Amino acid sequence: MAEPDSRPPVPVAIRLVYSLPAAPLAALGLPLYAFVPTYYTETLGLPLAAVGFTLLIVRLFDAVCDPVVGVLADRIRPRIGRRKFWFGLSLPVAAIAAIMLYAPPDDATTLWLGLWGTVLSLGFTLAVVPYSAWGAELIADYRGRTSLAALREALTLIGTLVAIVLPFAVGARAGTSLPGLGFLGVFVAIALPLTGLLAIWKVPEPKQHSATQIAFGAGMRLLAGNRPFRRLLTAFFLNGFANGIPATLFLYFVSDRLGLPETRGPLLFVYFLSGIAGIPLATWVAGRLGKHRAWCWAMLAACAAFALAPLLAPGSLYAFGAICVFTGLMLGFDLALPPSIQADVIDVDTAASGEARGGLYFAAWGLATKASLAAGVGLVFPILAAFGFEASEGTQNAPAALTALAVTYAWIPIALKLCAVGLMWNFPLDESAQKALQMRIRAQ
């Protein structure tokens, strides 16, 4: 029988240094989904459908990029470490793309958006795939993974708050020397290399539990046959799709449906600030109910709150603010628990294949994330256009268009989340099952 894991606990300081790059990574990724569509349509005046189509093409590029990066991050093993190497390679790519995409010239076209959106997506994938696999391998036990994911996602939310504050505090109008979105690009270009290099310097890359290296085809068959992974990935896609729709439409909903454009920044800030408070709550609930059941209860609670959003009258600031606070708390569960469950699911593959292939799994995870957001951007905008919704600043939309906006914003995500709950309610990997998998891995 295998001996219990004898690795010493990872110090809190090392966990913190590992988690620091999550903040600029969040500030890098969020605007592409939440602010870029609005900025390029409202401020630069590009057509809504053209922007949606361009961003859909960028996501299709990700469909190829993610698995390629995942396989390379598993198979190529430089002396510095396979996770550290690819993560370090991403830093200059992401930094340059952040400035170019988030500080465009006033005459930028959809070609500019497509080119630098693609480079930014490449840099983001090169960073997130090995970075996530690095964290999954850093800690092996069921609850320790939750605590590490919680710390990392708390930093993610801090970076998200920075991404919200800078554009709205500085101003997001073209014609200034550097629009607010451009200041965000500068922040990412400075903070990501600094925190990333610090993590590469200070955080160890654990010994790999790879007893063998299986052929690519056999490995893909094992991945496809990993039932807990398929179940989790499908639920994650559905929940990500559900979250991506309101993330894409939030600014339009607050401005056009509620008639409160000046509150967009503060409401987003309150939402993500509540998410930070939700992360320790998620850790506490998961310790008592298990990760998957805690996540399910959070999704159900978010559905109950979101059901009220289309019923709000214009000007309902406090009622919608309460919805933002409550759903923000539930966001903490969405951020902290699924990545921890994913690390456990990878153990199923490692025990069966004899190879630690976290890069490939987190590539599939990233692909599901981007596919869900692509569905939000690529499908929701044409639906709104079909109902006559116009995103240009100053446009007075008809009641039917505003109703379509409200229903798409809130009720379609509810249906998607309920499907995710159905998949995860009786998920088979709990703490005892994960401990058994770790024993098998160490016995190889």
Protein backbone atom coordinates (compact mmCIF):
# COMPACT_ATOMS: atom_id res chain seq x y z
CA MET A 1 0.00 0.00 0.00
CA ALA A 2 1.20 3.50 -0.80
CA GLU A 3 2.42 5.74 1.96
CA PRO A 4 0.43 8.87 2.72
CA ASP A 5 1.61 12.04 1.03
CA SER A 6 4.72 13.08 2.95
CA ARG A 7 5.18 16.48 1.34
CA PRO A 8 5.27 19.31 3.90
CA PRO A 9 2.36 21.76 3.78
CA VAL A 10 2.83 24.62 1.35
CA PRO A 11 3.48 27.80 3.41
CA VAL A 12 0.89 30.54 3.25
CA ALA A 13 3.50 32.95 1.85
CA ILE A 14 4.19 30.62 -1.08
CA ARG A 15 0.46 30.21 -1.72
CA LEU A 16 0.12 33.98 -1.78
CA VAL A 17 3.04 34.48 -4.18
CA TYR A 18 1.56 31.79 -6.45
CA SER A 19 -1.82 33.54 -6.37
CA LEU A 20 -0.58 37.08 -7.09
CA PRO A 21 -0.52 36.80 -10.91
CA ALA A 22 -4.23 35.96 -10.81
CA ALA A 23 -5.01 39.64 -10.24
CA PRO A 24 -3.45 41.03 -13.46
CA LEU A 25 -4.64 37.95 -15.37
CA ALA A 26 -8.21 38.82 -14.37
CA ALA A 27 -7.65 42.43 -15.38
CA LEU A 28 -6.35 41.09 -18.70
CA GLY A 29 -9.24 38.73 -19.43
CA LEU A 30 -12.39 40.45 -18.12
CA PRO A 31 -12.43 43.49 -20.45
CA LEU A 32 -12.35 41.31 -23.56
CA TYR A 33 -15.78 39.99 -22.60
CA ALA A 34 -17.34 42.80 -20.57
CA PHE A 35 -15.88 46.12 -21.83
CA VAL A 36 -14.40 45.63 -25.29
CA PRO A 37 -17.75 44.98 -27.04
CA THR A 38 -19.25 48.10 -25.45
CA TYR A 39 -16.16 50.27 -26.03
CA TYR A 40 -15.68 49.27 -29.66
CA THR A 41 -19.41 49.69 -30.47
CA GLU A 42 -20.45 52.70 -28.35
CA THR A 43 -17.24 54.77 -28.28
CA LEU A 44 -15.50 53.81 -31.52
CA GLY A 45 -18.80 53.35 -33.38
CA LEU A 46 -18.18 49.91 -34.92
CA PRO A 47 -21.29 47.91 -35.92
CA LEU A 48 -22.67 45.64 -33.18
CA ALA A 49 -23.00 42.56 -35.40
CA ALA A 50 -19.48 43.04 -36.84
CA VAL A 51 -17.95 43.27 -33.36
CA GLY A 52 -19.86 40.16 -32.24
CA PHE A 53 -18.70 38.23 -35.33
CA THR A 54 -15.07 39.37 -34.88
CA LEU A 55 -15.01 38.26 -31.26
CA LEU A 56 -16.55 34.94 -32.27
CA ILE A 57 -13.64 34.42 -34.71
CA VAL A 58 -11.21 35.17 -31.86
CA ARG A 59 -12.89 32.45 -29.76
CA LEU A 60 -12.62 29.99 -32.65
CA PHE A 61 -8.88 30.62 -32.66
CA ASP A 62 -8.91 29.68 -28.99
CA ALA A 63 -10.53 26.38 -29.93
CA VAL A 64 -7.26 25.44 -31.64
CA CYS A 65 -4.91 27.25 -29.27
CA ASP A 66 -6.06 25.73 -25.98
CA PRO A 67 -5.44 22.02 -26.66
CA VAL A 68 -2.14 22.77 -28.40
CA VAL A 69 -0.88 24.73 -25.41
CA GLY A 70 -2.18 22.04 -23.05
CA VAL A 71 -0.30 19.24 -24.80
CA LEU A 72 2.91 21.29 -25.06
CA ALA A 73 2.70 22.26 -21.39
CA ASP A 74 2.55 18.56 -20.45
CA ARG A 75 5.06 17.08 -22.90
CA ILE A 76 7.89 19.65 -23.11
CA ARG A 77 9.88 19.61 -19.88
CA PRO A 78 12.66 22.23 -19.70
CA ARG A 79 14.96 22.32 -16.70
CA ILE A 80 13.16 25.34 -15.24
CA GLY A 81 9.92 23.32 -15.10
CA ARG A 82 7.23 22.67 -17.67
CA ARG A 83 4.66 24.93 -15.95
CA LYS A 84 7.11 27.76 -15.28
CA PHE A 85 8.51 27.73 -18.83
CA TRP A 86 5.20 28.23 -20.64
CA PHE A 87 3.88 30.65 -18.04
CA GLY A 88 7.01 32.78 -18.39
CA LEU A 89 6.73 32.71 -22.18
CA SER A 90 3.23 34.17 -21.95
CA LEU A 91 4.20 37.29 -20.01
CA PRO A 92 5.57 39.53 -22.81
CA VAL A 93 2.91 38.37 -25.28
CA ALA A 94 0.05 39.23 -22.92
CA ALA A 95 1.62 42.54 -21.86
CA ILE A 96 1.98 43.86 -25.41
CA ALA A 97 -1.49 42.71 -26.46
CA ALA A 98 -3.12 44.35 -23.44
CA ILE A 99 -1.84 47.78 -24.45
CA MET A 100 -2.67 47.39 -28.13
CA LEU A 101 -6.21 46.09 -27.63
CA TYR A 102 -7.23 48.23 -24.67
CA ALA A 103 -5.70 51.50 -25.94
CA PRO A 104 -6.73 51.43 -29.62
CA PRO A 105 -6.49 54.44 -31.93
CA ASP A 106 -9.71 56.37 -32.51
CA ASP A 107 -9.93 55.00 -36.06
CA ALA A 108 -9.45 51.35 -35.06
CA THR A 109 -11.35 48.87 -37.20
CA THR A 110 -12.65 45.36 -36.67
CA LEU A 111 -9.34 44.18 -38.19
CA TRP A 112 -7.48 45.82 -35.29
CA LEU A 113 -9.93 44.23 -32.85
CA GLY A 114 -9.50 40.82 -34.44
CA LEU A 115 -5.70 40.94 -34.67
CA TRP A 116 -4.96 42.10 -31.14
CA GLY A 117 -7.85 40.16 -29.68
CA THR A 118 -6.24 37.04 -31.11
CA VAL A 119 -2.78 37.91 -29.73
CA LEU A 120 -4.28 38.68 -26.33
CA SER A 121 -6.14 35.38 -26.33
CA LEU A 122 -2.91 33.55 -27.19
CA GLY A 123 -1.07 35.25 -24.33
CA PHE A 124 -3.91 34.57 -21.94
CA THR A 125 -4.00 30.87 -22.87
CA LEU A 126 -0.21 30.51 -22.61
CA ALA A 127 -0.50 31.92 -19.10
CA VAL A 128 -3.65 30.36 -17.67
CA VAL A 129 -3.26 26.73 -18.80
CA PRO A 130 0.16 26.05 -17.19
CA TYR A 131 -0.63 28.38 -14.28
CA SER A 132 -3.79 26.45 -13.42
CA ALA A 133 -2.08 23.07 -13.78
CA TRP A 134 0.75 24.35 -11.57
CA GLY A 135 -1.75 25.15 -8.82
CA ALA A 136 -3.52 21.80 -9.12
CA GLU A 137 -0.19 20.00 -8.66
CA LEU A 138 1.09 22.25 -5.88
CA ILE A 139 -1.34 20.77 -3.30
CA ALA A 140 -2.69 17.21 -3.43
CA ASP A 141 -5.37 17.00 -0.74
CA TYR A 142 -9.10 17.63 -1.19
CA ARG A 143 -9.52 20.55 1.22
CA GLY A 144 -6.10 22.09 0.62
CA ARG A 145 -6.94 22.48 -3.04
CA THR A 146 -10.08 24.38 -2.09
CA SER A 147 -8.11 26.77 0.13
CA LEU A 148 -5.52 27.43 -2.61
CA ALA A 149 -8.21 27.94 -5.25
CA ALA A 150 -10.04 30.27 -2.87
CA LEU A 151 -6.94 32.43 -2.33
CA ARG A 152 -6.17 32.53 -6.05
CA GLU A 153 -9.75 33.44 -6.95
CA ALA A 154 -9.84 36.14 -4.27
CA LEU A 155 -6.86 37.72 -6.05
CA THR A 156 -8.74 37.17 -9.30
CA LEU A 157 -11.60 39.24 -7.97
CA ILE A 158 -9.23 41.96 -6.76
CA GLY A 159 -7.87 42.15 -10.30
CA THR A 160 -11.43 42.25 -11.57
CA LEU A 161 -12.19 45.21 -9.32
CA VAL A 162 -9.14 47.00 -10.71
CA ALA A 163 -10.43 46.25 -14.21
CA ILE A 164 -13.74 47.85 -13.28
CA VAL A 165 -12.42 50.87 -11.41
CA LEU A 166 -9.80 52.06 -13.91
CA PRO A 167 -12.01 52.42 -17.01
CA PHE A 168 -14.82 54.13 -15.11
CA ALA A 169 -12.62 56.24 -12.85
CA VAL A 170 -10.47 57.57 -15.67
CA GLY A 171 -13.24 57.63 -18.26
CA ALA A 172 -13.80 55.40 -21.26
CA ARG A 173 -14.18 58.00 -24.00
CA ALA A 174 -11.98 58.17 -27.05
CA GLY A 175 -10.32 61.48 -27.81
CA THR A 176 -8.34 61.69 -24.58
CA SER A 177 -4.60 61.08 -24.54
CA LEU A 178 -5.24 57.65 -23.02
CA PRO A 179 -8.80 56.36 -22.45
CA GLY A 180 -9.65 54.56 -19.20
CA LEU A 181 -9.48 51.18 -20.88
CA GLY A 182 -5.96 52.08 -21.98
CA PHE A 183 -4.87 52.71 -18.39
CA LEU A 184 -6.05 49.19 -17.66
CA GLY A 185 -3.82 47.87 -20.43
CA VAL A 186 -0.83 49.68 -18.92
CA PHE A 187 -1.60 48.21 -15.49
CA VAL A 188 -1.64 44.69 -16.92
CA ALA A 189 1.55 45.28 -18.92
CA ILE A 190 3.38 46.22 -15.70
CA ALA A 191 1.75 44.04 -13.03
CA LEU A 192 1.60 40.73 -14.91
CA PRO A 193 5.34 40.45 -15.68
CA LEU A 194 6.28 41.57 -12.14
CA THR A 195 4.01 39.11 -10.29
CA GLY A 196 4.62 36.36 -12.83
CA LEU A 197 8.39 36.53 -12.52
CA LEU A 198 8.09 36.59 -8.72
CA ALA A 199 6.03 33.39 -8.82
CA ILE A 200 8.50 31.71 -11.17
CA TRP A 201 11.32 32.65 -8.78
CA LYS A 202 9.73 31.71 -5.46
CA VAL A 203 7.09 29.00 -6.02
CA PRO A 204 8.34 25.42 -6.48
CA GLU A 205 7.07 23.16 -9.20
CA PRO A 206 6.23 19.84 -7.50
CA LYS A 207 7.61 16.49 -8.56
CA GLN A 208 5.52 15.05 -11.37
CA HIS A 209 3.68 11.80 -10.71
CA SER A 210 4.29 10.50 -14.23
CA ALA A 211 5.13 6.81 -14.21
CA THR A 212 4.96 6.73 -18.01
CA GLN A 213 4.16 8.82 -21.07
CA ILE A 214 1.26 7.52 -23.10
CA ALA A 215 0.68 8.08 -26.81
CA PHE A 216 -1.46 11.06 -27.78
CA GLY A 217 -4.30 8.97 -29.22
CA ALA A 218 -4.47 6.72 -26.18
CA GLY A 219 -4.37 9.75 -23.93
CA MET A 220 -7.29 11.37 -25.73
CA ARG A 221 -9.31 8.16 -25.39
CA LEU A 222 -8.63 8.16 -21.66
CA LEU A 223 -9.68 11.80 -21.41
CA ALA A 224 -12.88 11.11 -23.34
CA GLY A 225 -13.57 8.12 -21.10
CA ASN A 226 -13.12 10.10 -17.88
CA ARG A 227 -16.77 10.28 -16.83
CA PRO A 228 -16.37 12.69 -13.90
CA PHE A 229 -14.43 15.01 -16.20
CA ARG A 230 -17.09 14.91 -18.92
CA ARG A 231 -19.79 15.59 -16.39
CA LEU A 232 -17.93 18.46 -14.75
CA LEU A 233 -16.89 19.99 -18.06
CA THR A 234 -20.47 19.99 -19.36
CA ALA A 235 -21.78 21.55 -16.17
CA PHE A 236 -18.99 24.12 -16.20
CA PHE A 237 -19.77 25.04 -19.81
CA LEU A 238 -23.45 25.48 -19.07
CA ASN A 239 -22.78 27.57 -15.98
CA GLY A 240 -20.14 29.58 -17.83
CA PHE A 241 -22.60 30.21 -20.66
CA ALA A 242 -25.14 31.29 -18.05
CA ASN A 243 -22.63 33.70 -16.48
CA GLY A 244 -21.28 34.93 -19.81
CA ILE A 245 -24.63 36.23 -21.04
CA PRO A 246 -25.18 38.76 -18.22
CA ALA A 247 -21.46 39.61 -18.23
CA THR A 248 -21.81 40.58 -21.89
CA LEU A 249 -25.11 42.41 -21.46
CA PHE A 250 -24.65 43.99 -18.03
CA LEU A 251 -23.66 47.44 -19.27
CA TYR A 252 -26.53 47.49 -21.77
CA PHE A 253 -29.06 46.25 -19.20
CA VAL A 254 -28.14 48.90 -16.64
CA SER A 255 -27.98 51.73 -19.19
CA ASP A 256 -30.90 50.92 -21.48
CA ARG A 257 -33.30 48.78 -19.45
CA LEU A 258 -32.86 50.38 -16.03
CA GLY A 259 -31.91 53.83 -17.34
CA LEU A 260 -29.01 54.16 -14.89
CA PRO A 261 -25.86 54.49 -17.05
CA GLU A 262 -23.97 56.43 -14.37
CA THR A 263 -24.25 53.48 -11.95
CA ARG A 264 -22.66 50.87 -14.22
CA GLY A 265 -19.21 51.09 -12.65
CA PRO A 266 -20.38 51.20 -9.01
CA LEU A 267 -22.77 48.28 -9.52
CA LEU A 268 -20.06 46.15 -11.10
CA PHE A 269 -17.73 47.07 -8.26
CA VAL A 270 -20.34 46.03 -5.67
CA TYR A 271 -20.96 42.75 -7.51
CA PHE A 272 -17.32 41.69 -7.58
CA LEU A 273 -16.62 43.02 -4.10
CA SER A 274 -19.45 40.76 -2.90
CA GLY A 275 -17.72 37.93 -4.77
CA ILE A 276 -14.66 38.36 -2.56
CA ALA A 277 -16.89 37.93 0.50
CA GLY A 278 -18.45 34.87 -1.13
CA ILE A 279 -15.14 33.01 -1.43
CA PRO A 280 -14.61 32.28 2.29
CA LEU A 281 -18.31 31.47 2.50
CA ALA A 282 -17.86 28.96 -0.32
CA THR A 283 -14.88 27.38 1.46
CA TRP A 284 -16.87 27.07 4.68
CA VAL A 285 -19.94 25.55 3.02
CA ALA A 286 -17.82 23.17 0.91
CA GLY A 287 -16.13 21.92 4.09
CA ARG A 288 -19.53 20.85 5.40
CA LEU A 289 -21.46 19.77 2.30
CA GLY A 290 -18.68 18.83 -0.12
CA LYS A 291 -17.55 20.91 -3.09
CA HIS A 292 -20.08 19.79 -5.67
CA ARG A 293 -23.14 20.06 -3.44
CA ALA A 294 -22.09 23.51 -2.18
CA TRP A 295 -21.70 24.68 -5.78
CA CYS A 296 -25.16 23.36 -6.66
CA TRP A 297 -26.84 25.23 -3.80
CA ALA A 298 -25.08 28.43 -4.88
CA MET A 299 -26.29 28.07 -8.47
CA LEU A 300 -29.86 27.53 -7.27
CA ALA A 301 -29.68 30.60 -5.05
CA ALA A 302 -28.34 32.69 -7.94
CA CYS A 303 -31.25 31.52 -10.12
CA ALA A 304 -33.76 32.63 -7.51
CA ALA A 305 -32.24 36.11 -7.36
CA PHE A 306 -31.80 36.49 -11.11
CA ALA A 307 -35.43 35.60 -11.77
CA LEU A 308 -36.43 39.01 -10.40
CA ALA A 309 -34.21 41.15 -12.65
CA PRO A 310 -36.51 41.43 -15.72
CA LEU A 311 -39.41 42.43 -13.45
CA LEU A 312 -37.66 45.55 -12.17
CA ALA A 313 -38.99 48.93 -13.22
CA PRO A 314 -36.65 51.51 -14.76
CA GLY A 315 -34.71 53.33 -12.07
CA SER A 316 -34.77 50.41 -9.59
CA LEU A 317 -31.28 51.08 -8.31
CA TYR A 318 -31.57 49.63 -4.82
CA ALA A 319 -33.46 46.51 -5.86
CA PHE A 320 -30.97 45.74 -8.60
CA GLY A 321 -28.12 46.59 -6.24
CA ALA A 322 -29.44 43.95 -3.82
CA ILE A 323 -29.50 41.42 -6.67
CA CYS A 324 -25.89 42.34 -7.49
CA VAL A 325 -24.82 41.80 -3.88
CA PHE A 326 -26.52 38.42 -3.54
CA THR A 327 -25.44 37.03 -6.92
CA GLY A 328 -21.95 38.38 -6.22
CA LEU A 329 -21.79 36.23 -3.10
CA MET A 330 -22.75 33.23 -5.22
CA LEU A 331 -20.03 34.17 -7.72
CA GLY A 332 -17.53 33.32 -4.99
CA PHE A 333 -18.76 29.71 -5.19
CA ASP A 334 -18.50 29.71 -9.01
CA LEU A 335 -14.89 30.86 -8.80
CA ALA A 336 -13.51 28.87 -5.86
CA LEU A 337 -15.14 25.44 -6.17
CA PRO A 338 -15.08 24.27 -9.83
CA PRO A 339 -11.28 24.63 -10.23
CA SER A 340 -10.78 22.63 -7.03
CA ILE A 341 -13.12 19.92 -8.31
CA GLN A 342 -11.22 19.95 -11.61
CA ALA A 343 -7.97 19.21 -9.80
CA ASP A 344 -9.66 16.15 -8.24
CA VAL A 345 -10.95 15.04 -11.64
CA ILE A 346 -7.40 15.13 -13.03
CA ASP A 347 -6.48 12.58 -10.34
CA VAL A 348 -8.85 10.12 -12.05
CA ASP A 349 -6.79 10.41 -15.24
CA THR A 350 -3.42 10.30 -13.47
CA ALA A 351 -4.39 7.14 -11.62
CA ALA A 352 -5.55 5.49 -14.87
CA SER A 353 -2.85 6.70 -17.29
CA GLY A 354 0.22 6.93 -15.06
CA GLU A 355 0.96 10.41 -16.50
CA ALA A 356 0.31 13.81 -14.93
CA ARG A 357 -1.57 15.64 -17.69
CA GLY A 358 -2.97 18.67 -15.93
CA GLY A 359 -2.08 20.94 -18.84
CA LEU A 360 -4.34 19.07 -21.25
CA TYR A 361 -7.20 19.03 -18.76
CA PHE A 362 -6.96 22.71 -17.96
CA ALA A 363 -6.74 23.42 -21.68
CA ALA A 364 -10.09 21.68 -22.08
CA TRP A 365 -11.29 23.66 -19.08
CA GLY A 366 -10.15 26.92 -20.67
CA LEU A 367 -11.71 25.93 -23.97
CA ALA A 368 -15.04 25.36 -22.24
CA THR A 369 -14.75 28.77 -20.58
CA LYS A 370 -14.07 30.54 -23.85
CA ALA A 371 -16.67 28.53 -25.76
CA SER A 372 -19.30 29.54 -23.23
CA LEU A 373 -18.33 33.20 -23.55
CA ALA A 374 -18.23 32.88 -27.33
CA ALA A 375 -21.80 31.63 -27.22
CA GLY A 376 -22.70 34.66 -25.13
CA VAL A 377 -21.06 37.17 -27.49
CA GLY A 378 -21.64 35.43 -30.81
CA LEU A 379 -25.28 34.40 -30.30
CA VAL A 380 -26.75 36.98 -27.92
CA PHE A 381 -25.89 40.04 -29.99
CA PRO A 382 -27.59 38.71 -33.15
CA ILE A 383 -30.68 37.84 -31.08
CA LEU A 384 -30.88 41.39 -29.77
CA ALA A 385 -30.27 42.78 -33.24
CA ALA A 386 -33.21 40.66 -34.50
CA PHE A 387 -35.46 42.40 -31.96
CA GLY A 388 -34.23 45.81 -33.10
CA PHE A 389 -31.95 46.59 -30.16
CA GLU A 390 -29.37 49.30 -30.94
CA ALA A 391 -26.24 49.68 -28.81
CA SER A 392 -25.15 53.08 -30.09
CA GLU A 393 -24.96 55.73 -27.39
CA GLY A 394 -28.06 57.94 -27.23
CA THR A 395 -30.35 55.49 -29.06
CA GLN A 396 -33.91 55.18 -27.70
CA ASN A 397 -34.82 51.50 -28.01
CA ALA A 398 -38.39 50.30 -28.41
CA PRO A 399 -40.12 48.47 -25.49
CA ALA A 400 -39.96 45.14 -27.34
CA ALA A 401 -36.20 45.49 -27.76
CA LEU A 402 -35.77 46.31 -24.06
CA THR A 403 -37.92 43.33 -23.07
CA ALA A 404 -35.78 41.06 -25.25
CA LEU A 405 -32.70 42.51 -23.54
CA ALA A 406 -34.10 41.82 -20.05
CA VAL A 407 -35.23 38.27 -20.80
CA THR A 408 -31.95 37.39 -22.51
CA TYR A 409 -29.98 38.95 -19.68
CA ALA A 410 -31.63 37.00 -16.82
CA TRP A 411 -34.02 34.21 -17.71
CA ILE A 412 -32.00 32.35 -20.34
CA PRO A 413 -29.09 32.02 -17.86
CA ILE A 414 -31.46 30.53 -15.27
CA ALA A 415 -32.37 27.65 -17.60
CA LEU A 416 -28.70 26.95 -18.26
CA LYS A 417 -27.78 26.97 -14.56
CA LEU A 418 -30.57 24.54 -13.70
CA CYS A 419 -29.16 22.09 -16.25
CA ALA A 420 -25.72 22.43 -14.62
CA VAL A 421 -27.22 21.72 -11.19
CA GLY A 422 -28.82 18.54 -12.54
CA LEU A 423 -25.43 17.30 -13.70
CA MET A 424 -23.52 18.11 -10.51
CA TRP A 425 -26.00 17.26 -7.74
CA ASN A 426 -24.83 13.63 -7.33
CA PHE A 427 -21.27 14.07 -8.58
CA PRO A 428 -19.23 10.95 -7.67
CA LEU A 429 -15.96 12.50 -6.43
CA ASP A 430 -16.09 13.38 -2.74
CA GLU A 431 -13.27 13.66 -0.20
CA SER A 432 -12.93 9.91 0.46
CA ALA A 433 -12.90 9.07 -3.26
CA GLN A 434 -10.20 11.68 -3.90
CA LYS A 435 -8.03 10.33 -1.08
CA ALA A 436 -8.27 6.85 -2.60
CA LEU A 437 -7.16 8.23 -5.97
CA GLN A 438 -4.13 9.89 -4.40
CA MET A 439 -3.12 6.60 -2.79
CA ARG A 440 -3.29 4.89 -6.20
CA ILE A 441 -1.19 7.63 -7.79
CA ARG A 442 1.56 7.39 -5.17
CA ALA A 443 1.60 3.58 -5.53
CA GLN A 444 2.50 3.80 -9.24
